Amino acid sequence: MNVKQYISYRAGGDVVQKEKEIPVTLEADEPRYIESDFVNLYPQFLYQEIEGFGGAMTGTSAYLYNRMDPETRKKALKEWFVDYNYRFVRVSLDSCDYSLEEYQAVEDPIADPELKTFSIKKDQEEILPMLKEAIAIAKHPISVLVSPWSPPKQWKTNPIKPSFPGMANNPFFASFDYDHPNRNRGGSLKPEYYGSWAKYVVKFIQAYLEEGIPVTMVTIQNEPNSATPWDSCQWTSEQEKTYLRDFLYPEMKKAGLTEKVGIFIWDHNKERTLERACDILDADTLPMIAGIAFHGYTGDHFDQIQKLTELFPGKTLMQSELCGLHRPGRAGMPRFGEFVKETPESVEYDDAILYAHDLIGNLNAGMNRWIDWNLIVDEEGGPRHVAGGFTAATIAAEDGTYRKDLTYYYIGHFAKYILPGAKRMLVSKCDDKTDIVAAKNPDGTIAVVVLNRGDRDTGYVLRWNGNLSRIHFPAHSISTLIL
């Protein structure tokens, strides 16, 4: 019996991938008693189900895919939905920052309070054809998550003026109209329109279902704490709870959707996930939700995810968004419409480390589902209807081809080998030189992902069920072991 080791790392400008067969010996046959450098696996102690991985089919991603020739497009989708077993897809309800233009399904809901002019024609142009192609090619059944970025602007309060020093008078912000409702820069949904917005959301879900799209999840609001330069809407915990309890859930129940489509709260960064869940969930609202969604932009906060598993057992924990916050190949956050730093060579490696470290920490804390942000962007991190742009794991070129970032290969060490329906297992390790997660797949194989982000090679004696295997992990690499 051997252990298969799949290794990825960056060497100069190339991604190196290697495979090794590592011998296995019986612990009972060892010539001396070993105590040091162990990583112990315990397949008899299993935790949460790892339901699978996925990415977002934004207007941007669909636009770029639809400009590829059919053979290239099929190859690109196969790499996600077949090779990587992707089974979750996130879409925005109406426009988001990664739409090519700002739009809403009812142009003026004040003039049309019955929503008779409701239409998803914008989605039918780019997103739905691409989504249907992905569903057709996928290796596993697809589940679609719908996330709203903003209600119709006519139902909102005025946008929020930026309060950070230097921003209020900067032309990038000061030129914006803060005196009238807008989809962008925050503002809140007026309480008198909570019921109308719930009907709107239900109509959107129903329209997708009628198109044959398997919507199984909806979040109440993408990033409810944000007043971003793009589509956004702010909700307090009390507002989100009221809307969930008194409007959205009753409207979905009335439409017969509550058994088909699970509601997820929060859908924002991890650092406040625990407080938000505790504020919203009680004896009345807990049965109304399927789970809690969170993003990965503000650091680890793995302890919060672990606590959520203890407080709300049986609820699905889902990371619903992550990306590198810079344009492809360039470092630095956008600021006032410009980017502040240029192209350090380590930027792709830093992104890959961010993804792998976050995935391992979240999985070890109890996460069930993981959804990346854009499946693909162009070299400028777009196109999109607002300034700036962020990177993705695959990058489209102007000639209709694409390239894969290092992050793509790092994601594969999870999505390719930890199969939908796997159960996380107990791992005991001897040091903190590496990040490790292990899972038992439905077919009985064991997948162990080991991230060595240190500057030195390291090695362990892998130990499980009386077996031993001595394995080497190069510096700045990620490995998946298959037992």
Protein backbone atom coordinates (compact mmCIF):
# COMPACT_ATOMS: atom_id res chain seq x y z
CA MET A 1 0.00 0.00 0.00
CA ASN A 2 1.21 3.51 -0.86
CA VAL A 3 0.13 7.07 -0.11
CA LYS A 4 -0.25 9.29 -3.17
CA GLN A 5 1.12 12.80 -2.72
CA TYR A 6 0.12 15.61 -5.10
CA ILE A 7 2.32 18.72 -4.72
CA SER A 8 1.98 22.24 -6.17
CA TYR A 9 4.32 25.21 -5.84
CA ARG A 10 5.62 28.20 -7.77
CA ALA A 11 9.08 28.00 -9.36
CA GLY A 12 9.98 31.25 -11.09
CA GLY A 13 7.10 32.06 -13.38
CA ASP A 14 5.81 28.49 -13.58
CA VAL A 15 3.45 26.38 -11.50
CA VAL A 16 5.08 23.04 -10.74
CA GLN A 17 2.89 20.03 -10.04
CA LYS A 18 4.32 16.70 -8.97
CA GLU A 19 2.98 13.31 -7.95
CA LYS A 20 4.74 10.86 -5.65
CA GLU A 21 4.07 7.38 -4.32
CA ILE A 22 5.04 7.25 -0.65
CA PRO A 23 5.60 3.81 0.94
CA VAL A 24 3.52 2.73 3.93
CA THR A 25 4.82 0.50 6.70
CA LEU A 26 3.16 -1.09 9.69
CA GLU A 27 3.94 0.56 12.99
CA ALA A 28 4.33 -2.90 14.53
CA ASP A 29 7.19 -3.65 12.12
CA GLU A 30 9.21 -0.54 13.01
CA PRO A 31 12.62 -1.39 14.50
CA ARG A 32 12.24 1.15 17.31
CA TYR A 33 9.49 3.05 19.08
CA ILE A 34 8.78 6.43 17.42
CA GLU A 35 7.37 9.41 19.33
CA SER A 36 8.36 12.53 17.42
CA ASP A 37 7.22 14.35 14.26
CA PHE A 38 3.83 12.66 14.08
CA VAL A 39 0.69 13.78 12.32
CA ASN A 40 -2.02 11.44 13.57
CA LEU A 41 -5.22 10.78 11.62
CA TYR A 42 -8.29 9.34 13.34
CA PRO A 43 -10.82 8.14 10.72
CA GLN A 44 -13.10 6.90 13.50
CA PHE A 45 -13.66 10.45 14.77
CA LEU A 46 -15.62 12.39 12.17
CA TYR A 47 -17.14 15.86 12.25
CA GLN A 48 -19.22 17.96 9.84
CA GLU A 49 -20.13 17.03 6.30
CA ILE A 50 -18.17 18.94 3.67
CA GLU A 51 -20.84 19.43 1.05
CA GLY A 52 -18.63 20.90 -1.66
CA PHE A 53 -17.14 23.95 -3.33
CA GLY A 54 -18.19 26.50 -5.94
CA GLY A 55 -17.87 29.97 -7.43
CA ALA A 56 -19.89 33.00 -8.52
CA MET A 57 -21.39 33.38 -12.00
CA THR A 58 -21.53 37.17 -12.09
CA GLY A 59 -22.43 39.30 -15.09
CA THR A 60 -18.69 39.84 -15.55
CA SER A 61 -17.87 36.13 -15.55
CA ALA A 62 -20.74 35.29 -17.90
CA TYR A 63 -19.75 38.10 -20.28
CA LEU A 64 -16.16 36.83 -20.47
CA TYR A 65 -17.18 33.19 -20.94
CA ASN A 66 -19.63 34.09 -23.69
CA ARG A 67 -16.83 35.81 -25.65
CA MET A 68 -14.77 32.61 -25.80
CA ASP A 69 -15.14 30.24 -28.71
CA PRO A 70 -17.28 27.17 -27.84
CA GLU A 71 -14.32 24.83 -27.43
CA THR A 72 -12.43 27.18 -25.08
CA ARG A 73 -15.57 27.94 -23.08
CA LYS A 74 -16.34 24.25 -22.64
CA LYS A 75 -12.76 23.59 -21.51
CA ALA A 76 -12.91 26.44 -18.98
CA LEU A 77 -16.22 25.28 -17.49
CA LYS A 78 -15.02 21.66 -17.41
CA GLU A 79 -12.01 22.68 -15.33
CA TRP A 80 -14.35 24.00 -12.63
CA PHE A 81 -17.44 21.84 -12.80
CA VAL A 82 -15.93 18.48 -13.76
CA ASP A 83 -12.27 18.46 -12.74
CA TYR A 84 -12.95 20.36 -9.51
CA ASN A 85 -16.42 18.95 -8.76
CA TYR A 86 -17.93 22.42 -8.29
CA ARG A 87 -21.54 22.11 -7.17
CA PHE A 88 -22.43 25.56 -5.82
CA VAL A 89 -22.94 28.71 -7.92
CA ARG A 90 -23.67 32.18 -6.55
CA VAL A 91 -25.59 34.79 -8.56
CA SER A 92 -26.60 38.34 -7.69
CA LEU A 93 -30.23 39.41 -7.50
CA ASP A 94 -30.20 42.35 -9.95
CA SER A 95 -26.90 44.14 -10.54
CA CYS A 96 -23.84 43.96 -8.32
CA ASP A 97 -20.36 45.48 -8.62
CA TYR A 98 -19.53 42.71 -11.10
CA SER A 99 -22.31 43.58 -13.52
CA LEU A 100 -21.54 45.48 -16.71
CA GLU A 101 -24.29 47.96 -15.95
CA GLU A 102 -26.57 48.92 -13.09
CA TYR A 103 -30.08 47.46 -13.36
CA GLN A 104 -33.09 46.16 -11.43
CA ALA A 105 -35.92 43.84 -12.43
CA VAL A 106 -38.56 46.58 -11.98
CA GLU A 107 -37.38 49.93 -13.28
CA ASP A 108 -39.74 51.99 -11.09
CA PRO A 109 -41.53 50.04 -8.32
CA ILE A 110 -43.18 53.22 -7.06
CA ALA A 111 -45.03 53.57 -10.38
CA ASP A 112 -45.54 49.79 -10.48
CA PRO A 113 -46.29 48.69 -6.87
CA GLU A 114 -47.80 45.39 -8.10
CA LEU A 115 -44.49 44.57 -9.84
CA LYS A 116 -46.31 43.82 -13.10
CA THR A 117 -43.26 44.89 -15.14
CA PHE A 118 -40.92 42.52 -13.27
CA SER A 119 -38.43 40.94 -15.69
CA ILE A 120 -35.14 39.05 -15.51
CA LYS A 121 -34.31 39.91 -19.13
CA LYS A 122 -30.83 41.19 -18.16
CA ASP A 123 -29.97 37.81 -16.63
CA GLN A 124 -31.33 36.05 -19.70
CA GLU A 125 -28.80 37.85 -21.91
CA GLU A 126 -25.57 36.53 -20.37
CA ILE A 127 -25.87 34.86 -16.97
CA LEU A 128 -28.60 32.28 -17.54
CA PRO A 129 -27.19 30.83 -20.80
CA MET A 130 -23.79 30.41 -19.15
CA LEU A 131 -25.28 29.01 -15.96
CA LYS A 132 -27.30 26.46 -17.92
CA GLU A 133 -24.16 25.38 -19.77
CA ALA A 134 -22.37 24.90 -16.45
CA ILE A 135 -25.28 22.89 -15.06
CA ALA A 136 -25.26 20.67 -18.15
CA ILE A 137 -21.55 19.92 -17.90
CA ALA A 138 -21.27 19.59 -14.11
CA LYS A 139 -20.18 16.34 -12.51
CA HIS A 140 -22.56 16.80 -9.57
CA PRO A 141 -26.01 18.40 -9.21
CA ILE A 142 -25.70 22.18 -9.00
CA SER A 143 -27.20 24.30 -6.21
CA VAL A 144 -27.61 28.03 -6.84
CA LEU A 145 -27.30 30.76 -4.20
CA VAL A 146 -29.11 34.07 -4.84
CA SER A 147 -27.70 37.13 -3.05
CA PRO A 148 -29.20 40.65 -3.25
CA TRP A 149 -26.80 43.62 -3.39
CA SER A 150 -29.51 46.30 -3.27
CA PRO A 151 -33.30 46.63 -3.38
CA PRO A 152 -34.68 48.98 -6.05
CA LYS A 153 -33.27 52.43 -5.40
CA GLN A 154 -36.73 54.01 -5.14
CA TRP A 155 -37.42 52.06 -1.93
CA LYS A 156 -34.22 53.14 -0.14
CA THR A 157 -33.07 55.97 2.06
CA ASN A 158 -30.39 58.32 0.76
CA PRO A 159 -26.79 57.04 0.46
CA ILE A 160 -24.36 57.43 3.32
CA LYS A 161 -21.57 60.00 3.00
CA PRO A 162 -18.13 58.50 3.70
CA SER A 163 -16.82 59.28 7.17
CA PHE A 164 -13.20 58.18 6.80
CA PRO A 165 -10.60 60.99 6.96
CA GLY A 166 -9.79 62.40 3.54
CA MET A 167 -12.63 60.63 1.74
CA ALA A 168 -15.48 63.10 2.13
CA ASN A 169 -13.76 65.80 0.07
CA ASN A 170 -12.07 63.48 -2.43
CA PRO A 171 -13.48 63.97 -5.95
CA PHE A 172 -14.02 60.22 -6.34
CA PHE A 173 -16.58 60.39 -3.53
CA ALA A 174 -17.60 64.05 -3.29
CA SER A 175 -19.01 64.13 -6.82
CA PHE A 176 -21.63 61.51 -5.97
CA ASP A 177 -25.25 62.57 -5.37
CA TYR A 178 -25.96 61.82 -1.72
CA ASP A 179 -29.30 63.65 -1.71
CA HIS A 180 -31.34 61.06 -3.59
CA PRO A 181 -31.82 57.30 -3.20
CA ASN A 182 -29.40 55.15 -5.19
CA ARG A 183 -28.42 51.51 -5.60
CA ASN A 184 -24.84 52.47 -4.70
CA ARG A 185 -23.11 53.66 -1.52
CA GLY A 186 -25.49 52.13 0.96
CA GLY A 187 -28.64 53.61 2.32
CA SER A 188 -31.27 51.32 3.84
CA LEU A 189 -34.53 49.78 2.71
CA LYS A 190 -37.42 51.84 4.08
CA PRO A 191 -39.53 49.73 6.49
CA GLU A 192 -42.73 50.44 4.55
CA TYR A 193 -41.27 48.48 1.64
CA TYR A 194 -40.17 45.36 3.55
CA GLY A 195 -43.22 43.46 2.33
CA SER A 196 -42.79 44.63 -1.26
CA TRP A 197 -39.12 43.66 -1.25
CA ALA A 198 -39.98 40.18 0.06
CA LYS A 199 -42.42 39.75 -2.85
CA TYR A 200 -39.73 40.96 -5.25
CA VAL A 201 -37.21 38.41 -3.94
CA VAL A 202 -39.76 35.61 -4.24
CA LYS A 203 -40.58 36.65 -7.81
CA PHE A 204 -36.87 36.53 -8.69
CA ILE A 205 -36.44 33.04 -7.22
CA GLN A 206 -39.57 31.83 -9.00
CA ALA A 207 -38.36 33.30 -12.32
CA TYR A 208 -35.08 31.40 -12.00
CA LEU A 209 -36.89 28.19 -11.09
CA GLU A 210 -39.11 28.59 -14.14
CA GLU A 211 -35.93 28.79 -16.22
CA GLY A 212 -34.88 25.42 -14.81
CA ILE A 213 -32.23 26.90 -12.51
CA PRO A 214 -31.97 24.93 -9.23
CA VAL A 215 -32.08 27.78 -6.70
CA THR A 216 -31.69 26.23 -3.26
CA MET A 217 -30.31 29.15 -1.23
CA VAL A 218 -30.94 32.86 -0.72
CA THR A 219 -29.16 35.34 1.54
CA ILE A 220 -30.99 38.33 2.96
CA GLN A 221 -28.33 40.86 1.91
CA ASN A 222 -24.78 40.84 0.59
CA GLU A 223 -22.53 42.69 3.05
CA PRO A 224 -25.22 44.45 5.12
CA ASN A 225 -22.62 46.58 6.94
CA SER A 226 -21.24 48.12 3.73
CA ALA A 227 -21.90 51.41 1.97
CA THR A 228 -19.68 50.63 -1.01
CA PRO A 229 -19.28 52.70 -4.21
CA TRP A 230 -21.26 49.92 -5.91
CA ASP A 231 -24.66 48.33 -5.29
CA SER A 232 -25.15 48.05 -1.52
CA CYS A 233 -27.74 48.32 1.25
CA GLN A 234 -27.27 48.50 5.00
CA TRP A 235 -29.21 46.46 7.54
CA THR A 236 -28.88 46.44 11.31
CA SER A 237 -29.34 43.15 13.12
CA GLU A 238 -32.78 44.28 14.30
CA GLN A 239 -33.83 45.24 10.78
CA GLU A 240 -32.59 41.95 9.30
CA LYS A 241 -34.40 39.99 12.01
CA THR A 242 -37.67 41.87 11.50
CA TYR A 243 -37.51 41.44 7.73
CA LEU A 244 -36.72 37.72 8.05
CA ARG A 245 -39.39 36.96 10.64
CA ASP A 246 -42.26 39.16 9.53
CA PHE A 247 -41.81 39.45 5.77
CA LEU A 248 -39.35 37.25 3.87
CA TYR A 249 -40.04 33.90 5.53
CA PRO A 250 -43.85 34.33 5.49
CA GLU A 251 -43.73 35.37 1.82
CA MET A 252 -41.55 32.40 0.88
CA LYS A 253 -43.82 30.07 2.86
CA LYS A 254 -46.86 31.47 1.09
CA ALA A 255 -45.16 30.73 -2.25
CA GLY A 256 -44.25 27.17 -1.18
CA LEU A 257 -40.51 27.89 -1.23
CA THR A 258 -39.43 27.32 2.35
CA GLU A 259 -38.90 23.58 1.83
CA LYS A 260 -36.95 24.18 -1.40
CA VAL A 261 -34.87 27.29 -0.75
CA GLY A 262 -32.91 27.81 2.46
CA ILE A 263 -32.48 31.32 3.90
CA PHE A 264 -28.99 32.37 5.05
CA ILE A 265 -28.29 35.36 7.29
CA TRP A 266 -25.33 37.79 7.39
CA ASP A 267 -23.33 37.16 4.16
CA HIS A 268 -20.55 39.49 5.32
CA ASN A 269 -17.11 39.26 6.93
CA LYS A 270 -16.28 36.81 9.70
CA GLU A 271 -15.29 39.28 12.41
CA ARG A 272 -18.95 40.02 13.31
CA THR A 273 -20.59 36.75 12.29
CA LEU A 274 -21.08 35.49 15.83
CA GLU A 275 -22.70 38.68 17.13
CA ARG A 276 -25.00 38.89 14.12
CA ALA A 277 -26.15 35.31 14.52
CA CYS A 278 -26.78 35.74 18.24
CA ASP A 279 -28.72 38.97 17.62
CA ILE A 280 -30.98 37.49 14.93
CA LEU A 281 -31.51 33.89 15.95
CA ASP A 282 -33.96 32.94 18.68
CA ALA A 283 -36.70 30.37 19.19
CA ASP A 284 -38.83 32.04 16.50
CA THR A 285 -36.25 32.76 13.82
CA LEU A 286 -33.90 29.77 14.18
CA PRO A 287 -36.28 27.36 12.39
CA MET A 288 -36.64 29.90 9.54
CA ILE A 289 -33.03 29.75 8.39
CA ALA A 290 -30.90 27.07 6.76
CA GLY A 291 -27.62 28.57 7.85
CA ILE A 292 -25.14 31.40 8.19
CA ALA A 293 -23.04 32.84 5.35
CA PHE A 294 -19.76 34.70 5.77
CA HIS A 295 -16.93 36.24 3.74
CA GLY A 296 -13.17 35.92 4.22
CA TYR A 297 -11.73 39.42 3.83
CA THR A 298 -10.92 40.41 7.41
CA GLY A 299 -8.67 37.68 8.76
CA ASP A 300 -9.00 34.26 10.33
CA HIS A 301 -11.66 34.47 13.07
CA PHE A 302 -11.86 30.69 12.98
CA ASP A 303 -12.90 30.61 16.63
CA GLN A 304 -16.13 32.38 15.70
CA ILE A 305 -16.96 29.69 13.15
CA GLN A 306 -16.21 27.01 15.73
CA LYS A 307 -18.52 28.70 18.24
CA LEU A 308 -21.32 28.87 15.66
CA THR A 309 -21.15 25.08 15.29
CA GLU A 310 -21.65 24.77 19.04
CA LEU A 311 -24.45 27.33 19.35
CA PHE A 312 -26.40 26.38 16.23
CA PRO A 313 -25.89 22.66 15.53
CA GLY A 314 -27.52 21.47 12.35
CA LYS A 315 -27.26 24.86 10.61
CA THR A 316 -25.13 25.07 7.48
CA LEU A 317 -22.02 27.25 7.68
CA MET A 318 -21.07 28.62 4.28
CA GLN A 319 -18.28 30.90 3.13
CA SER A 320 -20.00 32.73 0.30
CA GLU A 321 -17.23 35.01 -1.00
CA LEU A 322 -13.46 35.49 -1.18
CA CYS A 323 -10.96 36.97 -3.64
CA GLY A 324 -7.64 38.80 -3.70
CA LEU A 325 -8.38 42.51 -3.22
CA HIS A 326 -6.28 43.80 -6.11
CA ARG A 327 -6.18 43.60 -9.87
CA PRO A 328 -4.57 40.47 -11.38
CA GLY A 329 -0.81 40.54 -10.93
CA ARG A 330 -0.81 43.81 -8.99
CA ALA A 331 -0.79 44.32 -5.24
CA GLY A 332 -2.65 46.96 -3.27
CA MET A 333 -6.24 47.87 -2.49
CA PRO A 334 -8.03 50.34 -4.76
CA ARG A 335 -8.17 53.80 -3.20
CA PHE A 336 -10.16 56.71 -4.62
CA GLY A 337 -10.43 54.97 -7.97
CA GLU A 338 -6.70 54.25 -8.33
CA PHE A 339 -4.42 51.38 -7.27
CA VAL A 340 -1.62 52.16 -4.88
CA LYS A 341 1.13 49.60 -5.55
CA GLU A 342 2.41 47.79 -8.60
CA THR A 343 3.25 44.18 -9.32
CA PRO A 344 5.30 42.47 -6.59
CA GLU A 345 6.29 39.03 -7.81
CA SER A 346 4.81 37.34 -4.75
CA VAL A 347 1.24 38.57 -5.29
CA GLU A 348 -0.12 35.33 -6.79
CA TYR A 349 1.55 33.30 -4.07
CA ASP A 350 0.09 35.57 -1.39
CA ASP A 351 -3.39 35.03 -2.85
CA ALA A 352 -2.94 31.27 -2.99
CA ILE A 353 -1.79 31.23 0.64
CA LEU A 354 -4.78 33.36 1.65
CA TYR A 355 -7.15 30.87 0.06
CA ALA A 356 -5.52 27.70 1.38
CA HIS A 357 -5.00 28.99 4.93
CA ASP A 358 -8.57 30.28 5.08
CA LEU A 359 -10.05 27.08 3.66
CA ILE A 360 -8.17 24.87 6.10
CA GLY A 361 -9.05 27.04 9.09
CA ASN A 362 -12.72 27.29 8.16
CA LEU A 363 -13.03 23.56 7.48
CA ASN A 364 -11.37 22.70 10.78
CA ALA A 365 -13.78 25.11 12.51
CA GLY A 366 -16.88 23.45 11.04
CA MET A 367 -17.59 25.02 7.63
CA ASN A 368 -19.81 22.94 5.31
CA ARG A 369 -19.83 24.84 1.99
CA TRP A 370 -17.37 27.14 0.25
CA ILE A 371 -18.06 29.51 -2.66
CA ASP A 372 -15.37 31.58 -4.37
CA TRP A 373 -16.10 35.01 -5.87
CA ASN A 374 -15.83 35.50 -9.66
CA LEU A 375 -15.05 32.39 -11.66
CA ILE A 376 -13.14 34.60 -14.10
CA VAL A 377 -12.19 38.29 -14.62
CA ASP A 378 -10.07 40.11 -17.19
CA GLU A 379 -6.55 41.50 -16.70
CA GLU A 380 -7.97 44.70 -15.18
CA GLY A 381 -10.11 42.81 -12.68
CA GLY A 382 -13.35 43.50 -14.57
CA PRO A 383 -15.16 44.54 -16.64
CA ARG A 384 -17.73 46.06 -14.29
CA HIS A 385 -19.94 49.12 -13.98
CA VAL A 386 -17.84 50.83 -11.29
CA ALA A 387 -14.17 51.80 -11.09
CA GLY A 388 -11.50 49.39 -9.92
CA GLY A 389 -11.48 45.62 -9.94
CA PHE A 390 -10.23 42.53 -8.14
CA THR A 391 -8.50 39.33 -9.17
CA ALA A 392 -9.81 35.78 -9.61
CA ALA A 393 -8.38 32.30 -10.02
CA THR A 394 -8.75 32.43 -13.80
CA ILE A 395 -7.97 35.48 -15.93
CA ALA A 396 -9.42 36.15 -19.39
CA ALA A 397 -7.29 37.62 -22.18
CA GLU A 398 -8.53 39.96 -24.88
CA ASP A 399 -8.13 37.27 -27.55
CA GLY A 400 -10.71 34.96 -25.93
CA THR A 401 -8.20 32.71 -24.17
CA TYR A 402 -7.57 32.53 -20.42
CA ARG A 403 -4.86 31.67 -17.93
CA LYS A 404 -4.98 30.03 -14.53
CA ASP A 405 -3.58 31.83 -11.49
CA LEU A 406 -1.66 29.93 -8.80
CA THR A 407 -4.82 30.22 -6.68
CA TYR A 408 -6.60 27.94 -9.17
CA TYR A 409 -4.14 25.13 -8.45
CA TYR A 410 -4.33 25.67 -4.69
CA ILE A 411 -8.14 25.50 -4.76
CA GLY A 412 -7.80 22.21 -6.60
CA HIS A 413 -6.02 20.63 -3.67
CA PHE A 414 -9.33 20.87 -1.84
CA ALA A 415 -12.06 20.72 -4.48
CA LYS A 416 -10.49 17.97 -6.58
CA TYR A 417 -9.79 15.56 -3.73
CA ILE A 418 -12.24 16.37 -0.90
CA LEU A 419 -15.37 15.05 -2.56
CA PRO A 420 -18.94 16.27 -1.96
CA GLY A 421 -20.31 14.47 1.07
CA ALA A 422 -16.92 13.97 2.75
CA LYS A 423 -16.66 14.14 6.54
CA ARG A 424 -13.90 16.07 8.24
CA MET A 425 -11.82 13.88 10.53
CA LEU A 426 -9.74 14.43 13.64
CA VAL A 427 -6.10 15.40 13.03
CA SER A 428 -3.46 15.68 15.76
CA LYS A 429 -0.20 17.34 14.71
CA CYS A 430 3.07 17.91 16.47
CA ASP A 431 3.81 21.54 15.56
CA ASP A 432 2.50 24.68 13.88
CA LYS A 433 4.82 24.64 10.86
CA THR A 434 1.98 23.62 8.57
CA ASP A 435 -1.79 23.98 8.23
CA ILE A 436 -3.54 20.62 7.91
CA VAL A 437 -7.09 19.39 7.33
CA ALA A 438 -8.24 15.83 6.64
CA ALA A 439 -11.50 14.35 5.39
CA LYS A 440 -12.94 10.91 4.74
CA ASN A 441 -14.60 10.74 1.32
CA PRO A 442 -17.82 8.86 0.59
CA ASP A 443 -15.79 6.26 -1.33
CA GLY A 444 -13.70 5.52 1.79
CA THR A 445 -10.53 7.29 0.67
CA ILE A 446 -8.91 9.81 2.98
CA ALA A 447 -7.75 13.21 1.69
CA VAL A 448 -5.23 15.21 3.72
CA VAL A 449 -4.33 18.76 2.65
CA VAL A 450 -1.04 20.13 4.00
CA LEU A 451 -0.01 23.77 3.47
CA ASN A 452 3.64 24.61 4.14
CA ARG A 453 3.85 28.39 3.85
CA GLY A 454 7.17 28.50 5.67
CA ASP A 455 10.63 29.17 4.23
CA ARG A 456 11.93 25.69 5.11
CA ASP A 457 11.07 22.19 4.01
CA THR A 458 9.47 20.03 6.65
CA GLY A 459 8.45 16.43 7.09
CA TYR A 460 6.20 14.27 9.21
CA VAL A 461 5.47 10.70 10.02
CA LEU A 462 1.85 10.22 9.04
CA ARG A 463 0.18 7.74 11.38
CA TRP A 464 -3.26 6.12 11.07
CA ASN A 465 -4.80 2.77 11.96
CA GLY A 466 -1.41 1.25 12.79
CA ASN A 467 0.18 2.48 9.56
CA LEU A 468 3.11 4.86 9.13
CA SER A 469 4.28 6.91 6.14
CA ARG A 470 7.19 9.36 6.12
CA ILE A 471 6.33 12.37 3.95
CA HIS A 472 8.31 15.45 2.90
CA PHE A 473 6.66 18.85 2.31
CA PRO A 474 8.71 21.45 0.38
CA ALA A 475 8.80 25.08 1.52
CA HIS A 476 6.12 27.32 0.01
CA SER A 477 4.05 24.39 -1.24
CA ILE A 478 0.71 22.73 -0.85
CA SER A 479 0.17 18.97 -0.90
CA THR A 480 -2.80 16.66 -0.92
CA LEU A 481 -2.29 13.12 0.32
CA ILE A 482 -4.68 10.37 -0.75
CA LEU A 483 -4.84 7.30 1.48
